[in-house]
PDB file of N, CA and C in Angstrom:
ATOM      1  N   MET A   1      48.336 121.620   9.621  1.00  0.00           N
ATOM      2  CA  MET A   1      49.255 122.250   9.619  1.00  0.00           C
ATOM      3  C   MET A   1      50.443 122.721  10.083  1.00  0.00           C
ATOM      4  N   ASN A   2      49.656 123.595  11.196  1.00  0.00           N
ATOM      5  CA  ASN A   2      50.464 124.489  12.319  1.00  0.00           C
ATOM      6  C   ASN A   2      51.253 123.583  12.979  1.00  0.00           C
ATOM      7  N   ARG A   3      50.822 122.165  13.651  1.00  0.00           N
ATOM      8  CA  ARG A   3      51.037 121.621  14.853  1.00  0.00           C
ATOM      9  C   ARG A   3      52.431 120.638  14.050  1.00  0.00           C
ATOM     10  N   LEU A   4      52.445 120.388  12.748  1.00  0.00           N
ATOM     11  CA  LEU A   4      53.458 119.602  12.156  1.00  0.00           C
ATOM     12  C   LEU A   4      54.682 120.149  11.935  1.00  0.00           C
ATOM     13  N   LEU A   5      54.638 121.831  12.133  1.00  0.00           N
ATOM     14  CA  LEU A   5      55.765 122.728  12.155  1.00  0.00           C
ATOM     15  C   LEU A   5      55.966 122.589  13.428  1.00  0.00           C
ATOM     16  N   PHE A   6      55.815 122.593  14.190  1.00  0.00           N
ATOM     17  CA  PHE A   6      55.836 122.812  15.482  1.00  0.00           C
ATOM     18  C   PHE A   6      56.644 121.508  16.314  1.00  0.00           C
ATOM     19  N   LEU A   7      56.544 120.597  15.961  1.00  0.00           N
ATOM     20  CA  LEU A   7      57.109 119.399  16.749  1.00  0.00           C
ATOM     21  C   LEU A   7      58.758 119.177  15.972  1.00  0.00           C
ATOM     22  N   PRO A   8      59.476 119.871  15.214  1.00  0.00           N
ATOM     23  CA  PRO A   8      61.045 120.012  15.033  1.00  0.00           C
ATOM     24  C   PRO A   8      61.474 120.666  15.867  1.00  0.00           C
ATOM     25  N   VAL A   9      60.498 121.809  16.413  1.00  0.00           N
ATOM     26  CA  VAL A   9      61.382 123.170  17.260  1.00  0.00           C
ATOM     27  C   VAL A   9      60.602 122.261  18.516  1.00  0.00           C
ATOM     28  N   ALA A  10      59.941 121.678  18.907  1.00  0.00           N
ATOM     29  CA  ALA A  10      59.680 120.861  20.283  1.00  0.00           C
ATOM     30  C   ALA A  10      60.690 120.237  20.856  1.00  0.00           C
ATOM     31  N   ALA A  11      61.000 119.687  19.487  1.00  0.00           N
ATOM     32  CA  ALA A  11      62.235 118.360  19.819  1.00  0.00           C
ATOM     33  C   ALA A  11      63.620 118.735  20.075  1.00  0.00           C
ATOM     34  N   LEU A  12      64.008 120.071  18.972  1.00  0.00           N
ATOM     35  CA  LEU A  12      65.236 120.598  19.163  1.00  0.00           C
ATOM     36  C   LEU A  12      65.053 121.294  20.830  1.00  0.00           C
ATOM     37  N   THR A  13      64.465 121.499  21.177  1.00  0.00           N
ATOM     38  CA  THR A  13      63.861 122.713  22.500  1.00  0.00           C
ATOM     39  C   THR A  13      64.518 120.984  23.746  1.00  0.00           C
ATOM     40  N   VAL A  14      63.710 120.411  23.304  1.00  0.00           N
ATOM     41  CA  VAL A  14      63.877 119.216  24.564  1.00  0.00           C
ATOM     42  C   VAL A  14      65.566 118.763  24.467  1.00  0.00           C
ATOM     43  N   THR A  15      65.876 118.082  23.815  1.00  0.00           N
ATOM     44  CA  THR A  15      67.408 117.899  23.295  1.00  0.00           C
ATOM     45  C   THR A  15      68.541 118.963  23.590  1.00  0.00           C
ATOM     46  N   VAL A  16      68.255 120.205  23.398  1.00  0.00           N
ATOM     47  CA  VAL A  16      69.276 121.571  24.150  1.00  0.00           C
ATOM     48  C   VAL A  16      69.111 121.376  25.720  1.00  0.00           C
ATOM     49  N   GLY A  17      68.077 121.147  26.013  1.00  0.00           N
ATOM     50  CA  GLY A  17      67.750 121.234  27.576  1.00  0.00           C
ATOM     51  C   GLY A  17      68.520 120.330  28.292  1.00  0.00           C
ATOM     52  N   TYR A  18      68.153 118.798  27.364  1.00  0.00           N
ATOM     53  CA  TYR A  18      68.674 117.574  27.957  1.00  0.00           C
ATOM     54  C   TYR A  18      70.564 117.437  27.788  1.00  0.00           C
ATOM     55  N   VAL A  19      70.842 118.107  27.014  1.00  0.00           N
ATOM     56  CA  VAL A  19      72.409 118.381  27.349  1.00  0.00           C
ATOM     57  C   VAL A  19      72.425 119.590  27.984  1.00  0.00           C
ATOM     58  N   GLY A  20      72.246 120.900  27.967  1.00  0.00           N
ATOM     59  CA  GLY A  20      72.665 121.586  28.850  1.00  0.00           C
ATOM     60  C   GLY A  20      72.499 120.706  30.508  1.00  0.00           C
ATOM     61  N   PHE A  21      71.379 120.101  30.631  1.00  0.00           N
ATOM     62  CA  PHE A  21      71.787 119.230  31.905  1.00  0.00           C
ATOM     63  C   PHE A  21      72.224 118.806  32.099  1.00  0.00           C
ATOM     64  N   GLN A  22      72.976 117.843  31.155  1.00  0.00           N
ATOM     65  CA  GLN A  22      74.051 117.137  30.952  1.00  0.00           C
ATOM     66  C   GLN A  22      75.307 117.539  31.574  1.00  0.00           C
ATOM     67  N   LEU A  23      75.942 118.953  31.063  1.00  0.00           N
ATOM     68  CA  LEU A  23      76.486 119.812  30.699  1.00  0.00           C
ATOM     69  C   LEU A  23      77.106 119.436  32.192  1.00  0.00           C
ATOM     70  N   GLY A  24      75.529 120.543  32.741  1.00  0.00           N
ATOM     71  CA  GLY A  24      75.899 120.891  34.494  1.00  0.00           C
ATOM     72  C   GLY A  24      75.766 120.166  35.517  1.00  0.00           C
ATOM     73  N   GLN A  25      76.089 118.744  34.980  1.00  0.00           N
ATOM     74  CA  GLN A  25      76.126 117.912  36.510  1.00  0.00           C
ATOM     75  C   GLN A  25      77.684 118.120  36.774  1.00  0.00           C
ATOM     76  N   PRO A  26      77.539 117.797  38.103  1.00  0.00           N
ATOM     77  CA  PRO A  26      78.883 118.049  38.821  1.00  0.00           C
ATOM     78  C   PRO A  26      80.191 116.629  38.662  1.00  0.00           C
ATOM     79  N   VAL A  27      80.945 117.060  38.862  1.00  0.00           N
ATOM     80  CA  VAL A  27      82.273 116.404  38.797  1.00  0.00           C
ATOM     81  C   VAL A  27      82.374 114.798  39.919  1.00  0.00           C
ATOM     82  N   THR A  28      82.248 113.890  39.495  1.00  0.00           N
ATOM     83  CA  THR A  28      82.045 112.916  40.622  1.00  0.00           C
ATOM     84  C   THR A  28      83.977 112.526  41.351  1.00  0.00           C
ATOM     85  N   GLU A  29      83.928 112.087  42.266  1.00  0.00           N
ATOM     86  CA  GLU A  29      85.024 111.892  42.874  1.00  0.00           C
ATOM     87  C   GLU A  29      86.115 111.036  42.177  1.00  0.00           C
ATOM     88  N   THR A  30      84.956 110.137  41.661  1.00  0.00           N
ATOM     89  CA  THR A  30      85.493 108.802  40.598  1.00  0.00           C
ATOM     90  C   THR A  30      86.098 109.307  39.383  1.00  0.00           C
ATOM     91  N   ASP A  31      85.513 110.480  38.398  1.00  0.00           N
ATOM     92  CA  ASP A  31      85.792 111.244  37.813  1.00  0.00           C
ATOM     93  C   ASP A  31      87.259 111.264  37.950  1.00  0.00           C
ATOM     94  N   ILE A  32      87.487 112.478  39.107  1.00  0.00           N
ATOM     95  CA  ILE A  32      88.397 113.330  39.240  1.00  0.00           C
ATOM     96  C   ILE A  32      89.884 112.250  39.127  1.00  0.00           C
ATOM     97  N   ILE A  33      89.341 111.155  39.886  1.00  0.00           N
ATOM     98  CA  ILE A  33      90.635 109.733  40.628  1.00  0.00           C
ATOM     99  C   ILE A  33      91.183 109.483  39.249  1.00  0.00           C
ATOM    100  N   THR A  34      89.897 108.826  38.374  1.00  0.00           N
ATOM    101  CA  THR A  34      90.572 108.512  36.768  1.00  0.00           C
ATOM    102  C   THR A  34      91.454 108.990  35.759  1.00  0.00           C
ATOM    103  N   ARG A  35      90.402 110.647  35.788  1.00  0.00           N
ATOM    104  CA  ARG A  35      90.920 111.701  35.212  1.00  0.00           C
ATOM    105  C   ARG A  35      92.633 111.812  35.171  1.00  0.00           C
ATOM    106  N   TYR A  36      92.863 112.051  36.444  1.00  0.00           N
ATOM    107  CA  TYR A  36      94.463 112.011  37.115  1.00  0.00           C
ATOM    108  C   TYR A  36      95.245 110.876  36.606  1.00  0.00           C
ATOM    109  N   ALA A  37      94.860 109.817  37.428  1.00  0.00           N
ATOM    110  CA  ALA A  37      95.180 108.344  37.350  1.00  0.00           C
ATOM    111  C   ALA A  37      95.862 108.069  35.720  1.00  0.00           C
ATOM    112  N   ALA A  38      95.137 108.345  34.680  1.00  0.00           N
ATOM    113  CA  ALA A  38      95.515 108.363  33.413  1.00  0.00           C
ATOM    114  C   ALA A  38      96.588 109.350  33.216  1.00  0.00           C
ATOM    115  N   ARG A  39      96.485 110.623  33.673  1.00  0.00           N
ATOM    116  CA  ARG A  39      97.218 111.427  33.351  1.00  0.00           C
ATOM    117  C   ARG A  39      99.067 110.766  33.623  1.00  0.00           C
ATOM    118  N   TYR A  40      98.613 110.563  34.876  1.00  0.00           N
ATOM    119  CA  TYR A  40     100.021 109.671  35.455  1.00  0.00           C
ATOM    120  C   TYR A  40     100.786 108.708  34.748  1.00  0.00           C
ATOM    121  N   VAL A  41      99.480 107.643  34.512  1.00  0.00           N
ATOM    122  CA  VAL A  41      99.939 107.049  33.312  1.00  0.00           C
ATOM    123  C   VAL A  41     100.758 107.155  32.054  1.00  0.00           C
ATOM    124  N   SER A  42      99.991 108.306  31.848  1.00  0.00           N
ATOM    125  CA  SER A  42     101.133 108.651  30.290  1.00  0.00           C
ATOM    126  C   SER A  42     102.244 109.513  30.737  1.00  0.00           C
ATOM    127  N   GLU A  43     102.301 109.958  31.830  1.00  0.00           N
ATOM    128  CA  GLU A  43     103.524 111.276  31.860  1.00  0.00           C
ATOM    129  C   GLU A  43     104.685 110.224  33.038  1.00  0.00           C
ATOM    130  N   ALA A  44     104.189 109.329  33.391  1.00  0.00           N
ATOM    131  CA  ALA A  44     105.164 108.225  34.532  1.00  0.00           C
ATOM    132  C   ALA A  44     106.147 107.328  33.224  1.00  0.00           C
ATOM    133  N   PRO A  45     107.275 107.091  33.997  1.00  0.00           N
ATOM    134  CA  PRO A  45     107.909 106.413  33.094  1.00  0.00           C
ATOM    135  C   PRO A  45     107.307 104.481  33.235  1.00  0.00           C
ATOM    136  N   ALA A  46     108.104 103.676  32.311  1.00  0.00           N
ATOM    137  CA  ALA A  46     107.505 102.679  32.255  1.00  0.00           C
ATOM    138  C   ALA A  46     107.237 101.804  33.767  1.00  0.00           C
ATOM    139  N   GLY A  47     106.014 101.020  33.701  1.00  0.00           N
ATOM    140  CA  GLY A  47     105.254 100.326  35.368  1.00  0.00           C
ATOM    141  C   GLY A  47     104.617 100.915  35.814  1.00  0.00           C
ATOM    142  N   ALA A  48     104.188 102.370  35.274  1.00  0.00           N
ATOM    143  CA  ALA A  48     102.882 102.787  36.035  1.00  0.00           C
ATOM    144  C   ALA A  48     101.755 102.028  35.767  1.00  0.00           C
ATOM    145  N   ALA A  49     101.212 102.293  36.937  1.00  0.00           N
ATOM    146  CA  ALA A  49      99.742 101.587  36.615  1.00  0.00           C
ATOM    147  C   ALA A  49      98.500 102.716  36.848  1.00  0.00           C
ATOM    148  N   MET A  50      97.489 102.420  37.392  1.00  0.00           N
ATOM    149  CA  MET A  50      96.228 103.221  37.468  1.00  0.00           C
ATOM    150  C   MET A  50      96.159 103.183  38.961  1.00  0.00           C
ATOM    151  N   THR A  51      96.450 101.652  39.368  1.00  0.00           N
ATOM    152  CA  THR A  51      96.193 101.512  40.709  1.00  0.00           C
ATOM    153  C   THR A  51      97.326 101.616  41.450  1.00  0.00           C
ATOM    154  N   ASP A  52      98.654 102.430  40.836  1.00  0.00           N
ATOM    155  CA  ASP A  52      99.032 103.281  41.605  1.00  0.00           C
ATOM    156  C   ASP A  52      98.422 104.610  42.983  1.00  0.00           C
ATOM    157  N   CYS A  53      97.539 104.806  42.122  1.00  0.00           N
ATOM    158  CA  CYS A  53      96.910 106.151  42.708  1.00  0.00           C
ATOM    159  C   CYS A  53      95.648 106.332  43.736  1.00  0.00           C
ATOM    160  N   LEU A  54      96.072 107.290  44.757  1.00  0.00           N
ATOM    161  CA  LEU A  54      95.166 107.029  45.871  1.00  0.00           C
ATOM    162  C   LEU A  54      94.512 108.607  45.583  1.00  0.00           C
ATOM    163  N   ALA A  55      93.624 109.277  46.072  1.00  0.00           N
ATOM    164  CA  ALA A  55      93.066 110.194  46.438  1.00  0.00           C
ATOM    165  C   ALA A  55      93.018 110.755  48.062  1.00  0.00           C
ATOM    166  N   THR A  56      92.924 112.575  48.457  1.00  0.00           N
ATOM    167  CA  THR A  56      93.107 112.152  49.695  1.00  0.00           C
ATOM    168  C   THR A  56      92.011 113.731  49.738  1.00  0.00           C
ATOM    169  N   PRO A  57      90.966 113.929  50.517  1.00  0.00           N
ATOM    170  CA  PRO A  57      90.519 115.151  50.220  1.00  0.00           C
ATOM    171  C   PRO A  57      91.694 116.164  50.439  1.00  0.00           C
ATOM    172  N   GLY A  58      90.810 117.442  49.820  1.00  0.00           N
ATOM    173  CA  GLY A  58      91.521 118.548  50.168  1.00  0.00           C
ATOM    174  C   GLY A  58      91.559 119.511  50.943  1.00  0.00           C
ATOM    175  N   VAL A  59      92.602 120.524  50.933  1.00  0.00           N
ATOM    176  CA  VAL A  59      92.112 121.352  52.426  1.00  0.00           C
ATOM    177  C   VAL A  59      91.752 122.627  50.895  1.00  0.00           C
ATOM    178  N   GLY A  60      90.976 123.249  51.525  1.00  0.00           N
ATOM    179  CA  GLY A  60      90.701 125.214  51.121  1.00  0.00           C
ATOM    180  C   GLY A  60      90.012 124.838  49.807  1.00  0.00           C
ATOM    181  N   ASP A  61      90.649 125.703  48.645  1.00  0.00           N
ATOM    182  CA  ASP A  61      90.274 125.171  47.508  1.00  0.00           C
ATOM    183  C   ASP A  61      90.767 124.263  46.417  1.00  0.00           C
ATOM    184  N   VAL A  62      91.613 123.215  47.377  1.00  0.00           N
ATOM    185  CA  VAL A  62      91.250 121.812  46.893  1.00  0.00           C
ATOM    186  C   VAL A  62      90.003 120.539  46.782  1.00  0.00           C
ATOM    187  N   ARG A  63      89.559 120.173  46.178  1.00  0.00           N
ATOM    188  CA  ARG A  63      88.660 119.455  46.467  1.00  0.00           C
ATOM    189  C   ARG A  63      89.291 117.394  47.035  1.00  0.00           C
ATOM    190  N   LEU A  64      90.044 117.652  45.496  1.00  0.00           N
ATOM    191  CA  LEU A  64      90.933 116.105  46.109  1.00  0.00           C
ATOM    192  C   LEU A  64      92.334 116.155  45.809  1.00  0.00           C
ATOM    193  N   THR A  65      93.121 115.599  46.634  1.00  0.00           N
ATOM    194  CA  THR A  65      94.072 115.901  46.181  1.00  0.00           C
ATOM    195  C   THR A  65      94.707 114.350  46.024  1.00  0.00           C
ATOM    196  N   VAL A  66      94.904 113.885  44.126  1.00  0.00           N
ATOM    197  CA  VAL A  66      95.312 112.329  43.769  1.00  0.00           C
ATOM    198  C   VAL A  66      96.900 112.280  43.987  1.00  0.00           C
ATOM    199  N   ILE A  67      97.045 110.842  44.556  1.00  0.00           N
ATOM    200  CA  ILE A  67      98.367 110.996  44.662  1.00  0.00           C
ATOM    201  C   ILE A  67      99.305 109.488  44.100  1.00  0.00           C
ATOM    202  N   CYS A  68      99.893 109.557  43.027  1.00  0.00           N
ATOM    203  CA  CYS A  68     100.462 108.447  42.774  1.00  0.00           C
ATOM    204  C   CYS A  68     101.822 108.369  42.775  1.00  0.00           C
ATOM    205  N   ALA A  69     102.238 106.906  43.476  1.00  0.00           N
ATOM    206  CA  ALA A  69     103.203 106.531  43.766  1.00  0.00           C
ATOM    207  C   ALA A  69     104.165 105.636  43.021  1.00  0.00           C
ATOM    208  N   HIS A  70     104.894 105.849  42.112  1.00  0.00           N
ATOM    209  CA  HIS A  70     105.631 105.191  40.883  1.00  0.00           C
ATOM    210  C   HIS A  70     106.263 104.109  41.992  1.00  0.00           C
ATOM    211  N   PRO A  71     106.666 102.237  41.563  1.00  0.00           N
ATOM    212  CA  PRO A  71     107.473 101.734  41.802  1.00  0.00           C
ATOM    213  C   PRO A  71     108.903 101.944  41.543  1.00  0.00           C
ATOM    214  N   GLY A  72     109.375 102.909  41.086  1.00  0.00           N
ATOM    215  CA  GLY A  72     110.599 103.114  40.920  1.00  0.00           C
ATOM    216  C   GLY A  72     110.767 104.781  42.296  1.00  0.00           C
ATOM    217  N   GLY A  73     110.074 104.416  43.452  1.00  0.00           N
ATOM    218  CA  GLY A  73     110.296 105.523  44.455  1.00  0.00           C
ATOM    219  C   GLY A  73     109.478 106.805  43.516  1.00  0.00           C
ATOM    220  N   ASP A  74     109.281 107.536  42.460  1.00  0.00           N
ATOM    221  CA  ASP A  74     109.055 108.765  42.170  1.00  0.00           C
ATOM    222  C   ASP A  74     107.048 109.326  42.617  1.00  0.00           C
ATOM    223  N   SER A  75     107.026 110.012  42.905  1.00  0.00           N
ATOM    224  CA  SER A  75     105.233 110.537  43.221  1.00  0.00           C
ATOM    225  C   SER A  75     104.890 111.709  42.104  1.00  0.00           C
ATOM    226  N   PHE A  76     103.948 111.264  42.140  1.00  0.00           N
ATOM    227  CA  PHE A  76     103.056 112.511  41.267  1.00  0.00           C
ATOM    228  C   PHE A  76     101.876 112.902  42.431  1.00  0.00           C
ATOM    229  N   VAL A  77     101.864 114.231  42.053  1.00  0.00           N
ATOM    230  CA  VAL A  77     100.490 114.646  42.939  1.00  0.00           C
ATOM    231  C   VAL A  77      99.969 115.721  42.179  1.00  0.00           C
ATOM    232  N   TYR A  78      98.564 115.367  41.889  1.00  0.00           N
ATOM    233  CA  TYR A  78      97.372 116.431  41.210  1.00  0.00           C
ATOM    234  C   TYR A  78      97.217 116.668  42.118  1.00  0.00           C
ATOM    235  N   PRO A  79      96.388 118.004  43.056  1.00  0.00           N
ATOM    236  CA  PRO A  79      95.463 118.366  43.442  1.00  0.00           C
ATOM    237  C   PRO A  79      94.100 119.253  43.029  1.00  0.00           C
ATOM    238  N   ALA A  80      93.262 119.204  42.670  1.00  0.00           N
ATOM    239  CA  ALA A  80      92.013 119.230  41.820  1.00  0.00           C
ATOM    240  C   ALA A  80      91.020 120.069  42.507  1.00  0.00           C
ATOM    241  N   GLY A  81      90.517 121.078  41.930  1.00  0.00           N
ATOM    242  CA  GLY A  81      89.707 122.040  42.238  1.00  0.00           C
ATOM    243  C   GLY A  81      88.466 121.544  42.495  1.00  0.00           C
ATOM    244  N   PRO A  82      87.367 122.324  42.738  1.00  0.00           N
ATOM    245  CA  PRO A  82      86.223 121.747  43.479  1.00  0.00           C
ATOM    246  C   PRO A  82      85.468 121.627  41.815  1.00  0.00           C
ATOM    247  N   ARG A  83      85.693 121.972  40.706  1.00  0.00           N
ATOM    248  CA  ARG A  83      85.277 121.275  39.610  1.00  0.00           C
ATOM    249  C   ARG A  83      86.126 120.126  38.542  1.00  0.00           C
ATOM    250  N   GLY A  84      87.210 119.520  39.257  1.00  0.00           N
ATOM    251  CA  GLY A  84      88.003 118.848  38.785  1.00  0.00           C
ATOM    252  C   GLY A  84      89.590 119.032  37.828  1.00  0.00           C
ATOM    253  N   GLY A  85      89.747 120.486  38.095  1.00  0.00           N
ATOM    254  CA  GLY A  85      90.351 121.081  37.333  1.00  0.00           C
ATOM    255  C   GLY A  85      91.847 121.022  37.868  1.00  0.00           C
ATOM    256  N   LEU A  86      93.063 120.957  37.292  1.00  0.00           N
ATOM    257  CA  LEU A  86      94.015 120.719  37.995  1.00  0.00           C
ATOM    258  C   LEU A  86      94.598 122.458  38.319  1.00  0.00           C
ATOM    259  N   ILE A  87      94.363 122.318  40.249  1.00  0.00           N
ATOM    260  CA  ILE A  87      94.689 123.744  40.324  1.00  0.00           C
ATOM    261  C   ILE A  87      96.022 123.990  40.131  1.00  0.00           C
ATOM    262  N   ARG A  88      97.207 123.543  40.265  1.00  0.00           N
ATOM    263  CA  ARG A  88      98.274 123.686  39.875  1.00  0.00           C
ATOM    264  C   ARG A  88      99.226 122.755  39.588  1.00  0.00           C
ATOM    265  N   ASP A  89      99.893 122.853  38.395  1.00  0.00           N
ATOM    266  CA  ASP A  89     100.856 121.681  38.382  1.00  0.00           C
ATOM    267  C   ASP A  89     102.462 121.737  38.862  1.00  0.00           C
ATOM    268  N   THR A  90     102.260 120.722  39.411  1.00  0.00           N
ATOM    269  CA  THR A  90     103.855 120.936  39.896  1.00  0.00           C
ATOM    270  C   THR A  90     105.039 120.101  39.379  1.00  0.00           C
ATOM    271  N   GLY A  91     104.565 120.218  38.128  1.00  0.00           N
ATOM    272  CA  GLY A  91     105.846 119.358  36.932  1.00  0.00           C
ATOM    273  C   GLY A  91     106.457 118.342  37.327  1.00  0.00           C
ATOM    274  N   GLY A  92     105.673 117.199  36.860  1.00  0.00           N
ATOM    275  CA  GLY A  92     105.960 115.438  36.918  1.00  0.00           C
ATOM    276  C   GLY A  92     106.639 115.521  38.619  1.00  0.00           C
ATOM    277  N   PRO A  93     107.280 114.485  38.846  1.00  0.00           N
ATOM    278  CA  PRO A  93     107.116 113.504  40.231  1.00  0.00           C
ATOM    279  C   PRO A  93     108.255 115.014  41.074  1.00  0.00           C
ATOM    280  N   ASP A  94     107.613 114.571  42.570  1.00  0.00           N
ATOM    281  CA  ASP A  94     108.179 115.006  43.424  1.00  0.00           C
ATOM    282  C   ASP A  94     109.468 114.089  43.726  1.00  0.00           C
ATOM    283  N   THR A  95     110.465 114.375  43.987  1.00  0.00           N
ATOM    284  CA  THR A  95     111.888 113.805  44.235  1.00  0.00           C
ATOM    285  C   THR A  95     112.527 114.353  45.606  1.00  0.00           C
TER     286      THR A  95
END
């Protein structure tokens, strides 16, 4: 009888451990580029595509700099930190 009471607790412990492990995984460069390319498509004027973006290695606290060039001539720059977060918002297109 006592063993049956232990099974739900064991299952919950394993589940919480797995979720904690997944949340602790580092963000990949692909994830960062995809996140900011999607943001660019939502912020840019018509004609923007995710393929307009590329990434360069960052310097200092910047892990990657995602640069998106719109066909209309505007460029959007997204500097990403070590965990993939935006370090500073450049306020839209650089002109």
